[in-house]
N, C-alpha and C. Protein backbone atom coordinates (compact mmCIF):
# COMPACT_ATOMS: atom_id res chain seq x y z
N THR A 1 -3.45 9.67 -2.20
CA THR A 1 -3.33 11.29 -2.07
C THR A 1 -2.63 10.76 -1.18
N GLY A 2 -2.17 12.24 -0.83
CA GLY A 2 -1.16 13.56 -0.41
C GLY A 2 0.03 12.91 -0.65
N GLU A 3 1.09 12.72 0.28
CA GLU A 3 2.97 12.88 -0.30
C GLU A 3 2.45 10.73 -1.00
N PHE A 4 1.85 9.99 -0.39
CA PHE A 4 2.47 8.48 -1.16
C PHE A 4 1.47 8.62 -2.83
N GLY A 5 0.55 9.54 -3.01
CA GLY A 5 0.54 9.92 -4.02
C GLY A 5 1.56 10.59 -5.35
N LYS A 6 1.56 10.95 -4.57
CA LYS A 6 3.08 12.16 -5.30
C LYS A 6 4.04 11.17 -5.95
N ALA A 7 4.77 10.12 -4.83
CA ALA A 7 5.76 9.51 -4.74
C ALA A 7 5.01 8.41 -5.99
N PHE A 8 3.57 8.04 -5.89
CA PHE A 8 3.34 6.97 -6.63
C PHE A 8 3.42 7.89 -8.02
N GLN A 9 3.25 8.96 -8.12
CA GLN A 9 2.73 9.60 -9.51
C GLN A 9 4.41 9.57 -10.14
N SER A 10 4.77 10.68 -9.24
CA SER A 10 6.64 10.83 -9.67
C SER A 10 7.37 9.13 -10.70
N LEU A 11 6.71 7.51 -9.63
CA LEU A 11 7.41 6.23 -9.98
C LEU A 11 7.23 6.20 -11.33
N LEU A 12 5.65 6.00 -11.54
CA LEU A 12 4.93 6.32 -12.76
C LEU A 12 5.57 6.66 -13.99
N SER A 13 5.85 8.05 -13.47
CA SER A 13 6.56 8.88 -14.52
C SER A 13 8.02 8.25 -14.94
N ARG A 14 8.39 7.89 -14.48
CA ARG A 14 9.67 7.81 -13.79
C ARG A 14 10.04 6.40 -14.81
N ALA A 15 9.42 5.41 -14.68
CA ALA A 15 9.56 4.42 -14.90
C ALA A 15 8.87 3.76 -16.52
N SER A 16 8.30 4.81 -17.06
CA SER A 16 7.53 5.19 -18.41
C SER A 16 6.16 3.86 -18.31
N VAL A 17 5.81 3.81 -16.60
CA VAL A 17 4.22 2.74 -16.54
C VAL A 17 3.81 2.63 -17.89
N GLU A 18 3.14 1.14 -18.46
CA GLU A 18 1.86 1.53 -19.13
C GLU A 18 0.81 1.12 -18.85
N GLU A 19 -0.22 2.59 -19.37
CA GLU A 19 -1.56 2.67 -18.25
C GLU A 19 -2.31 1.64 -17.97
N ASP A 20 -2.07 0.39 -18.31
CA ASP A 20 -2.81 -0.80 -17.74
C ASP A 20 -2.13 -1.20 -16.92
N VAL A 21 -0.84 -1.82 -16.63
CA VAL A 21 -0.27 -1.74 -15.15
C VAL A 21 -0.46 -0.55 -14.06
N SER A 22 -0.36 0.27 -15.02
CA SER A 22 -0.53 1.61 -13.22
C SER A 22 -1.71 1.06 -13.01
N LEU A 23 -2.66 1.28 -13.42
CA LEU A 23 -4.29 0.36 -13.37
C LEU A 23 -4.70 -0.68 -12.30
N LYS A 24 -3.74 -1.83 -13.01
CA LYS A 24 -3.11 -2.42 -12.01
C LYS A 24 -3.22 -2.75 -10.74
N TRP A 25 -1.91 -1.54 -10.78
CA TRP A 25 -1.02 -1.27 -9.05
C TRP A 25 -2.33 -0.45 -8.20
N ARG A 26 -2.72 0.08 -8.88
CA ARG A 26 -4.46 0.96 -8.21
C ARG A 26 -4.75 0.58 -7.83
N HIS A 27 -5.49 -0.75 -8.89
CA HIS A 27 -6.42 -1.60 -7.92
C HIS A 27 -6.10 -2.79 -7.14
N ALA A 28 -4.78 -2.42 -6.55
CA ALA A 28 -4.46 -4.00 -5.66
C ALA A 28 -3.88 -2.87 -4.71
N LEU A 29 -3.62 -1.41 -4.97
CA LEU A 29 -3.44 -0.99 -3.99
C LEU A 29 -4.02 -0.24 -3.15
N ASP A 30 -5.53 -0.14 -3.26
CA ASP A 30 -6.74 -0.11 -3.39
C ASP A 30 -7.25 -1.32 -2.78
N GLU A 31 -7.18 -2.24 -3.20
CA GLU A 31 -7.47 -3.45 -2.32
C GLU A 31 -6.85 -2.97 -0.82
N ALA A 32 -5.52 -3.48 -1.04
CA ALA A 32 -4.63 -3.39 0.02
C ALA A 32 -4.76 -2.31 1.03
N SER A 33 -5.78 -1.32 0.41
CA SER A 33 -5.83 -0.11 1.41
C SER A 33 -7.63 -0.60 2.81
N GLY A 34 -7.78 -1.46 1.96
CA GLY A 34 -9.11 -2.25 2.39
C GLY A 34 -8.54 -2.90 3.68
N LEU A 35 -7.69 -3.73 3.60
CA LEU A 35 -7.36 -5.09 4.66
C LEU A 35 -7.48 -4.75 6.17
N ALA A 36 -8.17 -5.53 6.89
CA ALA A 36 -8.03 -5.00 8.11
C ALA A 36 -7.05 -6.24 8.89
N GLY A 37 -7.27 -5.67 10.20
CA GLY A 37 -5.59 -5.87 10.78
C GLY A 37 -5.99 -5.75 12.48
N PHE A 38 -5.03 -5.57 13.54
CA PHE A 38 -5.45 -5.68 14.27
C PHE A 38 -4.43 -5.07 15.58
N VAL A 39 -4.97 -4.16 16.14
CA VAL A 39 -4.00 -3.04 17.46
C VAL A 39 -3.80 -3.90 18.05
N VAL A 40 -2.46 -3.85 18.47
CA VAL A 40 -1.44 -4.88 19.64
C VAL A 40 -1.78 -3.49 20.72
N LEU A 41 -2.03 -3.29 21.58
CA LEU A 41 -2.36 -2.08 22.62
C LEU A 41 -0.54 -2.14 23.61
N LYS A 42 -0.50 -3.55 23.55
CA LYS A 42 0.41 -3.48 25.21
C LYS A 42 1.69 -4.28 24.01
N SER A 43 2.64 -3.96 24.40
CA SER A 43 4.30 -4.80 23.79
C SER A 43 4.16 -6.26 24.42
N ARG A 44 4.03 -7.44 23.24
CA ARG A 44 4.17 -8.73 23.79
C ARG A 44 4.71 -9.62 22.62
N HIS A 45 5.39 -10.89 23.20
CA HIS A 45 6.00 -11.39 22.25
C HIS A 45 5.07 -12.27 21.28
N GLN A 46 5.76 -11.94 19.73
CA GLN A 46 5.44 -12.46 18.88
C GLN A 46 4.06 -13.90 19.17
N GLN A 47 4.85 -14.48 19.60
CA GLN A 47 4.43 -16.06 20.08
C GLN A 47 2.63 -15.91 20.60
N MET A 48 2.73 -14.93 21.57
CA MET A 48 1.56 -14.45 22.31
C MET A 48 0.37 -14.05 21.23
N LEU A 49 1.17 -13.79 19.87
CA LEU A 49 0.04 -13.00 18.98
C LEU A 49 -0.26 -13.69 18.31
N ASN A 50 -0.36 -15.13 18.15
CA ASN A 50 -0.73 -15.76 17.46
C ASN A 50 -2.03 -17.06 17.65
């Protein structure tokens, strides 16, 4: 959706991506959007985050 959705649709049009490939990409992006992470509130060395 939004600007990303417009750019993604433009890519699909320009690259002549097949429908099945497009659906796989959309599914992968949907899955990735649901991944959780964590927020670093203060700047720390990366070693301390592990």
